[in-house]
Amino acid sequence: MPDGTVHQEKWRLALGLLDNVSERGLRAPVVVADAGYGVSTPFRHGLEARGLSYVLALTGKEVAHELSIEPYQPDYGGLGPPTLARYRTAPRALSLHAAEAAAAGHFTEVAWRQGSKGR
């Protein structure tokens, strides 16, 4: 390995490869990745910052708040570090959010391509 080579996380390497492609005037129409990347918040933020569309697998353990719920900022008491913003409700499993969205008709089924097992 060349001198000065240091460890980089896989998600950083992947974003670097996407940047390399972009520097050559190409753009990925959509980024598709497994749960190893899907659970990486910095990777997802990196894709969003680059304006890239993506479909990422998840592990099933992920939770989130509803989009409309805002965290509140508790008053600072003056001692110790400032208090962090907090949510008043617990996050819910993404599978529950997805089920509600599907029931409300917010999903559109798409066919990626014709494969060896059909559409």
PDB file of N, CA and C in Angstrom:
ATOM      1  N   MET A   1       0.841  -1.176   0.000  1.00  0.00           N
ATOM      2  CA  MET A   1       0.000   0.000   0.000  1.00  0.00           C
ATOM      3  C   MET A   1       0.884   1.237   0.000  1.00  0.00           C
ATOM      4  N   PRO A   2       0.457   2.262  -0.693  1.00  0.00           N
ATOM      5  CA  PRO A   2       1.261   3.491  -0.725  1.00  0.00           C
ATOM      6  C   PRO A   2       1.369   4.131   0.656  1.00  0.00           C
ATOM      7  N   ASP A   3       2.500   4.786   0.910  1.00  0.00           N
ATOM      8  CA  ASP A   3       2.656   5.527   2.158  1.00  0.00           C
ATOM      9  C   ASP A   3       1.560   6.575   2.266  1.00  0.00           C
ATOM     10  N   GLY A   4       1.103   6.811   3.474  1.00  0.00           N
ATOM     11  CA  GLY A   4       0.081   7.827   3.692  1.00  0.00           C
ATOM     12  C   GLY A   4      -1.337   7.314   3.500  1.00  0.00           C
ATOM     13  N   THR A   5      -1.486   6.053   3.095  1.00  0.00           N
ATOM     14  CA  THR A   5      -2.818   5.488   2.928  1.00  0.00           C
ATOM     15  C   THR A   5      -3.401   5.204   4.299  1.00  0.00           C
ATOM     16  N   VAL A   6      -4.592   5.694   4.524  1.00  0.00           N
ATOM     17  CA  VAL A   6      -5.254   5.495   5.812  1.00  0.00           C
ATOM     18  C   VAL A   6      -6.617   4.851   5.588  1.00  0.00           C
ATOM     19  N   HIS A   7      -7.132   4.295   6.660  1.00  0.00           N
ATOM     20  CA  HIS A   7      -8.450   3.655   6.592  1.00  0.00           C
ATOM     21  C   HIS A   7      -9.533   4.680   6.281  1.00  0.00           C
ATOM     22  N   GLN A   8     -10.466   4.289   5.415  1.00  0.00           N
ATOM     23  CA  GLN A   8     -11.665   5.076   5.160  1.00  0.00           C
ATOM     24  C   GLN A   8     -12.860   4.145   5.255  1.00  0.00           C
ATOM     25  N   GLU A   9     -13.923   4.645   5.845  1.00  0.00           N
ATOM     26  CA  GLU A   9     -15.136   3.850   5.939  1.00  0.00           C
ATOM     27  C   GLU A   9     -15.678   3.581   4.533  1.00  0.00           C
ATOM     28  N   LYS A  10     -16.400   2.457   4.397  1.00  0.00           N
ATOM     29  CA  LYS A  10     -16.951   2.088   3.087  1.00  0.00           C
ATOM     30  C   LYS A  10     -17.858   3.176   2.526  1.00  0.00           C
ATOM     31  N   TRP A  11     -18.651   3.807   3.384  1.00  0.00           N
ATOM     32  CA  TRP A  11     -19.568   4.824   2.877  1.00  0.00           C
ATOM     33  C   TRP A  11     -18.805   6.021   2.325  1.00  0.00           C
ATOM     34  N   ARG A  12     -17.648   6.354   2.929  1.00  0.00           N
ATOM     35  CA  ARG A  12     -16.830   7.454   2.405  1.00  0.00           C
ATOM     36  C   ARG A  12     -16.233   7.077   1.041  1.00  0.00           C
ATOM     37  N   LEU A  13     -15.777   5.820   0.926  1.00  0.00           N
ATOM     38  CA  LEU A  13     -15.244   5.358  -0.349  1.00  0.00           C
ATOM     39  C   LEU A  13     -16.323   5.398  -1.430  1.00  0.00           C
ATOM     40  N   ALA A  14     -17.538   4.976  -1.077  1.00  0.00           N
ATOM     41  CA  ALA A  14     -18.629   4.968  -2.051  1.00  0.00           C
ATOM     42  C   ALA A  14     -18.961   6.388  -2.511  1.00  0.00           C
ATOM     43  N   LEU A  15     -19.029   7.335  -1.568  1.00  0.00           N
ATOM     44  CA  LEU A  15     -19.298   8.724  -1.958  1.00  0.00           C
ATOM     45  C   LEU A  15     -18.164   9.261  -2.825  1.00  0.00           C
ATOM     46  N   GLY A  16     -16.926   8.862  -2.518  1.00  0.00           N
ATOM     47  CA  GLY A  16     -15.787   9.285  -3.325  1.00  0.00           C
ATOM     48  C   GLY A  16     -15.879   8.761  -4.747  1.00  0.00           C
ATOM     49  N   LEU A  17     -16.335   7.511  -4.893  1.00  0.00           N
ATOM     50  CA  LEU A  17     -16.511   6.948  -6.232  1.00  0.00           C
ATOM     51  C   LEU A  17     -17.600   7.691  -6.998  1.00  0.00           C
ATOM     52  N   LEU A  18     -18.680   8.028  -6.309  1.00  0.00           N
ATOM     53  CA  LEU A  18     -19.751   8.794  -6.959  1.00  0.00           C
ATOM     54  C   LEU A  18     -19.263  10.181  -7.367  1.00  0.00           C
ATOM     55  N   ASP A  19     -18.427  10.793  -6.524  1.00  0.00           N
ATOM     56  CA  ASP A  19     -17.845  12.102  -6.873  1.00  0.00           C
ATOM     57  C   ASP A  19     -16.936  11.977  -8.085  1.00  0.00           C
ATOM     58  N   ASN A  20     -16.172  10.890  -8.138  1.00  0.00           N
ATOM     59  CA  ASN A  20     -15.264  10.645  -9.261  1.00  0.00           C
ATOM     60  C   ASN A  20     -16.049  10.531 -10.567  1.00  0.00           C
ATOM     61  N   VAL A  21     -17.153   9.810 -10.531  1.00  0.00           N
ATOM     62  CA  VAL A  21     -18.011   9.665 -11.710  1.00  0.00           C
ATOM     63  C   VAL A  21     -18.566  11.029 -12.109  1.00  0.00           C
ATOM     64  N   SER A  22     -18.996  11.797 -11.120  1.00  0.00           N
ATOM     65  CA  SER A  22     -19.562  13.122 -11.382  1.00  0.00           C
ATOM     66  C   SER A  22     -18.537  14.061 -12.013  1.00  0.00           C
ATOM     67  N   GLU A  23     -17.284  13.970 -11.571  1.00  0.00           N
ATOM     68  CA  GLU A  23     -16.217  14.813 -12.126  1.00  0.00           C
ATOM     69  C   GLU A  23     -15.973  14.507 -13.605  1.00  0.00           C
ATOM     70  N   ARG A  24     -16.370  13.347 -14.047  1.00  0.00           N
ATOM     71  CA  ARG A  24     -16.204  12.958 -15.447  1.00  0.00           C
ATOM     72  C   ARG A  24     -17.454  13.273 -16.280  1.00  0.00           C
ATOM     73  N   GLY A  25     -18.367  14.037 -15.670  1.00  0.00           N
ATOM     74  CA  GLY A  25     -19.554  14.464 -16.394  1.00  0.00           C
ATOM     75  C   GLY A  25     -20.682  13.460 -16.425  1.00  0.00           C
ATOM     76  N   LEU A  26     -20.592  12.419 -15.621  1.00  0.00           N
ATOM     77  CA  LEU A  26     -21.649  11.411 -15.560  1.00  0.00           C
ATOM     78  C   LEU A  26     -22.409  11.552 -14.252  1.00  0.00           C
ATOM     79  N   ARG A  27     -23.610  11.015 -14.238  1.00  0.00           N
ATOM     80  CA  ARG A  27     -24.423  11.090 -13.022  1.00  0.00           C
ATOM     81  C   ARG A  27     -25.210   9.795 -12.888  1.00  0.00           C
ATOM     82  N   ALA A  28     -25.178   9.214 -11.708  1.00  0.00           N
ATOM     83  CA  ALA A  28     -25.961   8.007 -11.461  1.00  0.00           C
ATOM     84  C   ALA A  28     -27.437   8.384 -11.432  1.00  0.00           C
ATOM     85  N   PRO A  29     -28.272   7.716 -12.248  1.00  0.00           N
ATOM     86  CA  PRO A  29     -29.699   8.056 -12.233  1.00  0.00           C
ATOM     87  C   PRO A  29     -30.336   7.748 -10.882  1.00  0.00           C
ATOM     88  N   VAL A  30     -29.866   6.682 -10.233  1.00  0.00           N
ATOM     89  CA  VAL A  30     -30.319   6.328  -8.894  1.00  0.00           C
ATOM     90  C   VAL A  30     -29.236   5.462  -8.260  1.00  0.00           C
ATOM     91  N   VAL A  31     -29.006   5.642  -6.983  1.00  0.00           N
ATOM     92  CA  VAL A  31     -28.036   4.838  -6.249  1.00  0.00           C
ATOM     93  C   VAL A  31     -28.806   3.751  -5.516  1.00  0.00           C
ATOM     94  N   VAL A  32     -28.402   2.501  -5.711  1.00  0.00           N
ATOM     95  CA  VAL A  32     -29.031   1.364  -5.043  1.00  0.00           C
ATOM     96  C   VAL A  32     -27.956   0.687  -4.201  1.00  0.00           C
ATOM     97  N   ALA A  33     -28.265   0.452  -2.915  1.00  0.00           N
ATOM     98  CA  ALA A  33     -27.265  -0.152  -2.036  1.00  0.00           C
ATOM     99  C   ALA A  33     -27.925  -1.042  -0.993  1.00  0.00           C
ATOM    100  N   ASP A  34     -27.123  -1.934  -0.426  1.00  0.00           N
ATOM    101  CA  ASP A  34     -27.620  -2.849   0.593  1.00  0.00           C
ATOM    102  C   ASP A  34     -27.698  -2.152   1.956  1.00  0.00           C
ATOM    103  N   ALA A  35     -28.109  -2.906   2.974  1.00  0.00           N
ATOM    104  CA  ALA A  35     -28.319  -2.347   4.306  1.00  0.00           C
ATOM    105  C   ALA A  35     -27.019  -1.864   4.953  1.00  0.00           C
ATOM    106  N   GLY A  36     -25.895  -2.381   4.506  1.00  0.00           N
ATOM    107  CA  GLY A  36     -24.626  -1.888   5.041  1.00  0.00           C
ATOM    108  C   GLY A  36     -24.455  -0.390   4.817  1.00  0.00           C
ATOM    109  N   TYR A  37     -24.993   0.090   3.715  1.00  0.00           N
ATOM    110  CA  TYR A  37     -24.974   1.517   3.421  1.00  0.00           C
ATOM    111  C   TYR A  37     -26.266   2.183   3.890  1.00  0.00           C
ATOM    112  N   GLY A  38     -27.376   1.461   3.830  1.00  0.00           N
ATOM    113  CA  GLY A  38     -28.667   2.027   4.189  1.00  0.00           C
ATOM    114  C   GLY A  38     -28.755   2.485   5.626  1.00  0.00           C
ATOM    115  N   VAL A  39     -28.031   1.821   6.513  1.00  0.00           N
ATOM    116  CA  VAL A  39     -28.076   2.205   7.928  1.00  0.00           C
ATOM    117  C   VAL A  39     -27.089   3.325   8.254  1.00  0.00           C
ATOM    118  N   SER A  40     -26.315   3.749   7.290  1.00  0.00           N
ATOM    119  CA  SER A  40     -25.310   4.788   7.510  1.00  0.00           C
ATOM    120  C   SER A  40     -25.913   6.179   7.277  1.00  0.00           C
ATOM    121  N   THR A  41     -26.198   6.862   8.358  1.00  0.00           N
ATOM    122  CA  THR A  41     -26.765   8.209   8.254  1.00  0.00           C
ATOM    123  C   THR A  41     -25.843   9.145   7.478  1.00  0.00           C
ATOM    124  N   PRO A  42     -24.527   9.147   7.726  1.00  0.00           N
ATOM    125  CA  PRO A  42     -23.664  10.036   6.935  1.00  0.00           C
ATOM    126  C   PRO A  42     -23.707   9.730   5.437  1.00  0.00           C
ATOM    127  N   PHE A  43     -23.857   8.454   5.077  1.00  0.00           N
ATOM    128  CA  PHE A  43     -23.949   8.098   3.664  1.00  0.00           C
ATOM    129  C   PHE A  43     -25.224   8.668   3.062  1.00  0.00           C
ATOM    130  N   ARG A  44     -26.358   8.488   3.756  1.00  0.00           N
ATOM    131  CA  ARG A  44     -27.622   9.031   3.251  1.00  0.00           C
ATOM    132  C   ARG A  44     -27.555  10.551   3.135  1.00  0.00           C
ATOM    133  N   HIS A  45     -26.988  11.203   4.135  1.00  0.00           N
ATOM    134  CA  HIS A  45     -26.850  12.665   4.069  1.00  0.00           C
ATOM    135  C   HIS A  45     -25.944  13.076   2.910  1.00  0.00           C
ATOM    136  N   GLY A  46     -24.892  12.292   2.657  1.00  0.00           N
ATOM    137  CA  GLY A  46     -23.997  12.578   1.545  1.00  0.00           C
ATOM    138  C   GLY A  46     -24.698  12.474   0.204  1.00  0.00           C
ATOM    139  N   LEU A  47     -25.561  11.465   0.062  1.00  0.00           N
ATOM    140  CA  LEU A  47     -26.332  11.324  -1.175  1.00  0.00           C
ATOM    141  C   LEU A  47     -27.285  12.500  -1.356  1.00  0.00           C
ATOM    142  N   GLU A  48     -27.951  12.883  -0.270  1.00  0.00           N
ATOM    143  CA  GLU A  48     -28.885  14.008  -0.338  1.00  0.00           C
ATOM    144  C   GLU A  48     -28.157  15.307  -0.659  1.00  0.00           C
ATOM    145  N   ALA A  49     -26.994  15.510  -0.056  1.00  0.00           N
ATOM    146  CA  ALA A  49     -26.217  16.730  -0.314  1.00  0.00           C
ATOM    147  C   ALA A  49     -25.792  16.812  -1.779  1.00  0.00           C
ATOM    148  N   ARG A  50     -25.608  15.668  -2.419  1.00  0.00           N
ATOM    149  CA  ARG A  50     -25.213  15.631  -3.829  1.00  0.00           C
ATOM    150  C   ARG A  50     -26.423  15.644  -4.764  1.00  0.00           C
ATOM    151  N   GLY A  51     -27.615  15.650  -4.188  1.00  0.00           N
ATOM    152  CA  GLY A  51     -28.830  15.672  -5.001  1.00  0.00           C
ATOM    153  C   GLY A  51     -29.093  14.368  -5.722  1.00  0.00           C
ATOM    154  N   LEU A  52     -28.599  13.261  -5.174  1.00  0.00           N
ATOM    155  CA  LEU A  52     -28.764  11.957  -5.815  1.00  0.00           C
ATOM    156  C   LEU A  52     -30.005  11.236  -5.278  1.00  0.00           C
ATOM    157  N   SER A  53     -30.750  10.615  -6.163  1.00  0.00           N
ATOM    158  CA  SER A  53     -31.866   9.765  -5.757  1.00  0.00           C
ATOM    159  C   SER A  53     -31.290   8.428  -5.317  1.00  0.00           C
ATOM    160  N   TYR A  54     -31.942   7.796  -4.347  1.00  0.00           N
ATOM    161  CA  TYR A  54     -31.408   6.527  -3.858  1.00  0.00           C
ATOM    162  C   TYR A  54     -32.499   5.613  -3.348  1.00  0.00           C
ATOM    163  N   VAL A  55     -32.180   4.307  -3.384  1.00  0.00           N
ATOM    164  CA  VAL A  55     -32.985   3.256  -2.785  1.00  0.00           C
ATOM    165  C   VAL A  55     -32.003   2.414  -1.989  1.00  0.00           C
ATOM    166  N   LEU A  56     -32.196   2.374  -0.680  1.00  0.00           N
ATOM    167  CA  LEU A  56     -31.265   1.669   0.190  1.00  0.00           C
ATOM    168  C   LEU A  56     -32.010   0.656   1.044  1.00  0.00           C
ATOM    169  N   ALA A  57     -31.449  -0.519   1.185  1.00  0.00           N
ATOM    170  CA  ALA A  57     -32.028  -1.530   2.067  1.00  0.00           C
ATOM    171  C   ALA A  57     -31.799  -1.125   3.517  1.00  0.00           C
ATOM    172  N   LEU A  58     -32.655  -1.607   4.395  1.00  0.00           N
ATOM    173  CA  LEU A  58     -32.524  -1.356   5.826  1.00  0.00           C
ATOM    174  C   LEU A  58     -32.521  -2.692   6.555  1.00  0.00           C
ATOM    175  N   THR A  59     -32.174  -2.666   7.828  1.00  0.00           N
ATOM    176  CA  THR A  59     -32.110  -3.907   8.599  1.00  0.00           C
ATOM    177  C   THR A  59     -33.433  -4.248   9.264  1.00  0.00           C
ATOM    178  N   GLY A  60     -34.347  -3.299   9.367  1.00  0.00           N
ATOM    179  CA  GLY A  60     -35.607  -3.526  10.060  1.00  0.00           C
ATOM    180  C   GLY A  60     -35.605  -2.997  11.480  1.00  0.00           C
ATOM    181  N   LYS A  61     -34.487  -2.487  11.940  1.00  0.00           N
ATOM    182  CA  LYS A  61     -34.384  -1.949  13.295  1.00  0.00           C
ATOM    183  C   LYS A  61     -34.512  -0.424  13.333  1.00  0.00           C
ATOM    184  N   GLU A  62     -34.615   0.209  12.181  1.00  0.00           N
ATOM    185  CA  GLU A  62     -34.605   1.662  12.118  1.00  0.00           C
ATOM    186  C   GLU A  62     -35.930   2.250  12.595  1.00  0.00           C
ATOM    187  N   VAL A  63     -35.836   3.381  13.260  1.00  0.00           N
ATOM    188  CA  VAL A  63     -37.010   4.095  13.755  1.00  0.00           C
ATOM    189  C   VAL A  63     -36.920   5.546  13.314  1.00  0.00           C
ATOM    190  N   ALA A  64     -38.061   6.204  13.298  1.00  0.00           N
ATOM    191  CA  ALA A  64     -38.095   7.618  12.918  1.00  0.00           C
ATOM    192  C   ALA A  64     -39.345   8.265  13.483  1.00  0.00           C
ATOM    193  N   HIS A  65     -39.292   9.573  13.572  1.00  0.00           N
ATOM    194  CA  HIS A  65     -40.471  10.350  13.946  1.00  0.00           C
ATOM    195  C   HIS A  65     -41.232  10.711  12.683  1.00  0.00           C
ATOM    196  N   GLU A  66     -42.504  11.012  12.842  1.00  0.00           N
ATOM    197  CA  GLU A  66     -43.279  11.492  11.709  1.00  0.00           C
ATOM    198  C   GLU A  66     -42.675  12.797  11.241  1.00  0.00           C
ATOM    199  N   LEU A  67     -42.806  13.060   9.962  1.00  0.00           N
ATOM    200  CA  LEU A  67     -42.220  14.250   9.355  1.00  0.00           C
ATOM    201  C   LEU A  67     -42.724  15.531  10.007  1.00  0.00           C
ATOM    202  N   SER A  68     -43.966  15.529  10.452  1.00  0.00           N
ATOM    203  CA  SER A  68     -44.566  16.744  11.013  1.00  0.00           C
ATOM    204  C   SER A  68     -44.154  17.027  12.451  1.00  0.00           C
ATOM    205  N   ILE A  69     -43.519  16.077  13.111  1.00  0.00           N
ATOM    206  CA  ILE A  69     -43.162  16.260  14.527  1.00  0.00           C
ATOM    207  C   ILE A  69     -41.831  16.992  14.632  1.00  0.00           C
ATOM    208  N   GLU A  70     -41.856  18.064  15.401  1.00  0.00           N
ATOM    209  CA  GLU A  70     -40.658  18.895  15.614  1.00  0.00           C
ATOM    210  C   GLU A  70     -40.114  18.671  17.019  1.00  0.00           C
ATOM    211  N   PRO A  71     -38.798  18.623  17.177  1.00  0.00           N
ATOM    212  CA  PRO A  71     -38.248  18.530  18.536  1.00  0.00           C
ATOM    213  C   PRO A  71     -38.431  19.868  19.256  1.00  0.00           C
ATOM    214  N   TYR A  72     -38.449  19.814  20.579  1.00  0.00           N
ATOM    215  CA  TYR A  72     -38.530  21.053  21.344  1.00  0.00           C
ATOM    216  C   TYR A  72     -37.199  21.264  22.055  1.00  0.00           C
ATOM    217  N   GLN A  73     -36.904  22.494  22.340  1.00  0.00           N
ATOM    218  CA  GLN A  73     -35.649  22.860  22.997  1.00  0.00           C
ATOM    219  C   GLN A  73     -35.949  23.227  24.449  1.00  0.00           C
ATOM    220  N   PRO A  74     -35.551  22.377  25.415  1.00  0.00           N
ATOM    221  CA  PRO A  74     -35.776  22.725  26.822  1.00  0.00           C
ATOM    222  C   PRO A  74     -34.972  23.970  27.201  1.00  0.00           C
ATOM    223  N   ASP A  75     -35.479  24.695  28.175  1.00  0.00           N
ATOM    224  CA  ASP A  75     -34.763  25.874  28.652  1.00  0.00           C
ATOM    225  C   ASP A  75     -33.447  25.453  29.287  1.00  0.00           C
ATOM    226  N   TYR A  76     -32.441  26.271  29.093  1.00  0.00           N
ATOM    227  CA  TYR A  76     -31.119  26.012  29.673  1.00  0.00           C
ATOM    228  C   TYR A  76     -31.115  26.511  31.105  1.00  0.00           C
ATOM    229  N   GLY A  77     -30.707  25.647  32.034  1.00  0.00           N
ATOM    230  CA  GLY A  77     -30.700  25.998  33.453  1.00  0.00           C
ATOM    231  C   GLY A  77     -29.483  26.776  33.885  1.00  0.00           C
ATOM    232  N   GLY A  78     -28.477  26.919  33.021  1.00  0.00           N
ATOM    233  CA  GLY A  78     -27.296  27.698  33.366  1.00  0.00           C
ATOM    234  C   GLY A  78     -26.136  26.888  33.914  1.00  0.00           C
ATOM    235  N   LEU A  79     -26.342  25.650  34.255  1.00  0.00           N
ATOM    236  CA  LEU A  79     -25.259  24.814  34.775  1.00  0.00           C
ATOM    237  C   LEU A  79     -24.972  23.694  33.789  1.00  0.00           C
ATOM    238  N   GLY A  80     -23.708  23.428  33.578  1.00  0.00           N
ATOM    239  CA  GLY A  80     -23.332  22.344  32.696  1.00  0.00           C
ATOM    240  C   GLY A  80     -23.532  22.693  31.232  1.00  0.00           C
ATOM    241  N   PRO A  81     -23.418  21.680  30.378  1.00  0.00           N
ATOM    242  CA  PRO A  81     -23.571  21.941  28.940  1.00  0.00           C
ATOM    243  C   PRO A  81     -25.027  22.280  28.611  1.00  0.00           C
ATOM    244  N   PRO A  82     -25.240  23.026  27.536  1.00  0.00           N
ATOM    245  CA  PRO A  82     -26.615  23.353  27.138  1.00  0.00           C
ATOM    246  C   PRO A  82     -27.413  22.083  26.859  1.00  0.00           C
ATOM    247  N   THR A  83     -28.697  22.142  27.125  1.00  0.00           N
ATOM    248  CA  THR A  83     -29.556  20.986  26.876  1.00  0.00           C
ATOM    249  C   THR A  83     -29.770  20.811  25.377  1.00  0.00           C
ATOM    250  N   LEU A  84     -29.921  19.580  24.976  1.00  0.00           N
ATOM    251  CA  LEU A  84     -30.144  19.260  23.568  1.00  0.00           C
ATOM    252  C   LEU A  84     -31.639  19.236  23.267  1.00  0.00           C
ATOM    253  N   ALA A  85     -31.967  19.466  22.016  1.00  0.00           N
ATOM    254  CA  ALA A  85     -33.358  19.372  21.594  1.00  0.00           C
ATOM    255  C   ALA A  85     -33.842  17.945  21.783  1.00  0.00           C
ATOM    256  N   ARG A  86     -35.132  17.806  22.132  1.00  0.00           N
ATOM    257  CA  ARG A  86     -35.708  16.487  22.393  1.00  0.00           C
ATOM    258  C   ARG A  86     -37.071  16.375  21.742  1.00  0.00           C
ATOM    259  N   TYR A  87     -37.469  15.138  21.504  1.00  0.00           N
ATOM    260  CA  TYR A  87     -38.807  14.872  21.010  1.00  0.00           C
ATOM    261  C   TYR A  87     -39.689  14.508  22.193  1.00  0.00           C
ATOM    262  N   ARG A  88     -40.949  14.894  22.123  1.00  0.00           N
ATOM    263  CA  ARG A  88     -41.890  14.578  23.198  1.00  0.00           C
ATOM    264  C   ARG A  88     -42.520  13.196  22.995  1.00  0.00           C
ATOM    265  N   THR A  89     -42.361  12.623  21.820  1.00  0.00           N
ATOM    266  CA  THR A  89     -42.912  11.299  21.534  1.00  0.00           C
ATOM    267  C   THR A  89     -41.781  10.359  21.141  1.00  0.00           C
ATOM    268  N   ALA A  90     -42.013   9.089  21.335  1.00  0.00           N
ATOM    269  CA  ALA A  90     -41.012   8.080  20.967  1.00  0.00           C
ATOM    270  C   ALA A  90     -41.050   7.862  19.455  1.00  0.00           C
ATOM    271  N   PRO A  91     -39.902   7.561  18.846  1.00  0.00           N
ATOM    272  CA  PRO A  91     -39.913   7.243  17.413  1.00  0.00           C
ATOM    273  C   PRO A  91     -40.613   5.910  17.186  1.00  0.00           C
ATOM    274  N   ARG A  92     -41.082   5.707  15.955  1.00  0.00           N
ATOM    275  CA  ARG A  92     -41.770   4.474  15.587  1.00  0.00           C
ATOM    276  C   ARG A  92     -40.965   3.743  14.522  1.00  0.00           C
ATOM    277  N   ALA A  93     -41.180   2.444  14.441  1.00  0.00           N
ATOM    278  CA  ALA A  93     -40.486   1.623  13.452  1.00  0.00           C
ATOM    279  C   ALA A  93     -40.829   2.112  12.048  1.00  0.00           C
ATOM    280  N   LEU A  94     -39.835   2.151  11.172  1.00  0.00           N
ATOM    281  CA  LEU A  94     -40.068   2.573   9.793  1.00  0.00           C
ATOM    282  C   LEU A  94     -41.089   1.687   9.091  1.00  0.00           C
ATOM    283  N   SER A  95     -41.163   0.426   9.483  1.00  0.00           N
ATOM    284  CA  SER A  95     -42.135  -0.475   8.861  1.00  0.00           C
ATOM    285  C   SER A  95     -43.566   0.005   9.129  1.00  0.00           C
ATOM    286  N   LEU A  96     -43.811   0.598  10.292  1.00  0.00           N
ATOM    287  CA  LEU A  96     -45.141   1.131  10.589  1.00  0.00           C
ATOM    288  C   LEU A  96     -45.429   2.367   9.733  1.00  0.00           C
ATOM    289  N   HIS A  97     -44.428   3.236   9.597  1.00  0.00           N
ATOM    290  CA  HIS A  97     -44.590   4.409   8.731  1.00  0.00           C
ATOM    291  C   HIS A  97     -44.875   3.966   7.290  1.00  0.00           C
ATOM    292  N   ALA A  98     -44.142   2.956   6.821  1.00  0.00           N
ATOM    293  CA  ALA A  98     -44.316   2.474   5.452  1.00  0.00           C
ATOM    294  C   ALA A  98     -45.692   1.856   5.263  1.00  0.00           C
ATOM    295  N   ALA A  99     -46.158   1.087   6.232  1.00  0.00           N
ATOM    296  CA  ALA A  99     -47.478   0.464   6.126  1.00  0.00           C
ATOM    297  C   ALA A  99     -48.571   1.523   6.047  1.00  0.00           C
ATOM    298  N   GLU A 100     -48.449   2.573   6.840  1.00  0.00           N
ATOM    299  CA  GLU A 100     -49.437   3.656   6.796  1.00  0.00           C
ATOM    300  C   GLU A 100     -49.397   4.383   5.452  1.00  0.00           C
ATOM    301  N   ALA A 101     -48.196   4.620   4.940  1.00  0.00           N
ATOM    302  CA  ALA A 101     -48.062   5.301   3.646  1.00  0.00           C
ATOM    303  C   ALA A 101     -48.659   4.444   2.532  1.00  0.00           C
ATOM    304  N   ALA A 102     -48.441   3.135   2.593  1.00  0.00           N
ATOM    305  CA  ALA A 102     -48.985   2.238   1.574  1.00  0.00           C
ATOM    306  C   ALA A 102     -50.507   2.224   1.644  1.00  0.00           C
ATOM    307  N   ALA A 103     -51.063   2.171   2.852  1.00  0.00           N
ATOM    308  CA  ALA A 103     -52.516   2.167   3.015  1.00  0.00           C
ATOM    309  C   ALA A 103     -53.139   3.460   2.502  1.00  0.00           C
ATOM    310  N   ALA A 104     -52.394   4.563   2.594  1.00  0.00           N
ATOM    311  CA  ALA A 104     -52.898   5.857   2.120  1.00  0.00           C
ATOM    312  C   ALA A 104     -52.652   6.059   0.628  1.00  0.00           C
ATOM    313  N   GLY A 105     -52.046   5.066  -0.026  1.00  0.00           N
ATOM    314  CA  GLY A 105     -51.817   5.166  -1.469  1.00  0.00           C
ATOM    315  C   GLY A 105     -50.638   6.041  -1.847  1.00  0.00           C
ATOM    316  N   HIS A 106     -49.671   6.188  -0.955  1.00  0.00           N
ATOM    317  CA  HIS A 106     -48.518   7.050  -1.223  1.00  0.00           C
ATOM    318  C   HIS A 106     -47.360   6.343  -1.920  1.00  0.00           C
ATOM    319  N   PHE A 107     -47.504   5.050  -2.201  1.00  0.00           N
ATOM    320  CA  PHE A 107     -46.451   4.317  -2.889  1.00  0.00           C
ATOM    321  C   PHE A 107     -46.868   4.048  -4.323  1.00  0.00           C
ATOM    322  N   THR A 108     -45.892   3.973  -5.181  1.00  0.00           N
ATOM    323  CA  THR A 108     -46.125   3.612  -6.572  1.00  0.00           C
ATOM    324  C   THR A 108     -45.256   2.409  -6.896  1.00  0.00           C
ATOM    325  N   GLU A 109     -45.856   1.345  -7.378  1.00  0.00           N
ATOM    326  CA  GLU A 109     -45.087   0.160  -7.755  1.00  0.00           C
ATOM    327  C   GLU A 109     -44.376   0.436  -9.065  1.00  0.00           C
ATOM    328  N   VAL A 110     -43.114   0.054  -9.117  1.00  0.00           N
ATOM    329  CA  VAL A 110     -42.328   0.242 -10.329  1.00  0.00           C
ATOM    330  C   VAL A 110     -41.674  -1.081 -10.710  1.00  0.00           C
ATOM    331  N   ALA A 111     -41.387  -1.245 -11.980  1.00  0.00           N
ATOM    332  CA  ALA A 111     -40.628  -2.397 -12.463  1.00  0.00           C
ATOM    333  C   ALA A 111     -39.252  -1.886 -12.846  1.00  0.00           C
ATOM    334  N   TRP A 112     -38.242  -2.452 -12.231  1.00  0.00           N
ATOM    335  CA  TRP A 112     -36.882  -1.976 -12.494  1.00  0.00           C
ATOM    336  C   TRP A 112     -36.413  -2.398 -13.881  1.00  0.00           C
ATOM    337  N   ARG A 113     -36.659  -3.682 -14.199  1.00  0.00           N
ATOM    338  CA  ARG A 113     -36.238  -4.203 -15.493  1.00  0.00           C
ATOM    339  C   ARG A 113     -36.809  -5.610 -15.666  1.00  0.00           C
ATOM    340  N   GLN A 114     -36.634  -6.146 -16.839  1.00  0.00           N
ATOM    341  CA  GLN A 114     -36.992  -7.527 -17.105  1.00  0.00           C
ATOM    342  C   GLN A 114     -35.781  -8.373 -16.724  1.00  0.00           C
ATOM    343  N   GLY A 115     -35.962  -9.282 -15.801  1.00  0.00           N
ATOM    344  CA  GLY A 115     -34.846 -10.118 -15.355  1.00  0.00           C
ATOM    345  C   GLY A 115     -35.062 -11.568 -15.698  1.00  0.00           C
ATOM    346  N   SER A 116     -34.166 -12.414 -15.229  1.00  0.00           N
ATOM    347  CA  SER A 116     -34.249 -13.841 -15.511  1.00  0.00           C
ATOM    348  C   SER A 116     -35.480 -14.482 -14.873  1.00  0.00           C
ATOM    349  N   LYS A 117     -36.034 -13.849 -13.837  1.00  0.00           N
ATOM    350  CA  LYS A 117     -37.223 -14.377 -13.165  1.00  0.00           C
ATOM    351  C   LYS A 117     -38.467 -13.576 -13.545  1.00  0.00           C
ATOM    352  N   GLY A 118     -38.371 -12.825 -14.601  1.00  0.00           N
ATOM    353  CA  GLY A 118     -39.512 -12.040 -15.055  1.00  0.00           C
ATOM    354  C   GLY A 118     -39.379 -10.578 -14.671  1.00  0.00           C
ATOM    355  N   ARG A 119     -40.488  -9.892 -14.769  1.00  0.00           N
ATOM    356  CA  ARG A 119     -40.499  -8.464 -14.463  1.00  0.00           C
ATOM    357  C   ARG A 119     -40.308  -8.200 -13.000  1.00  0.00           C
TER     358      ARG A 119
END
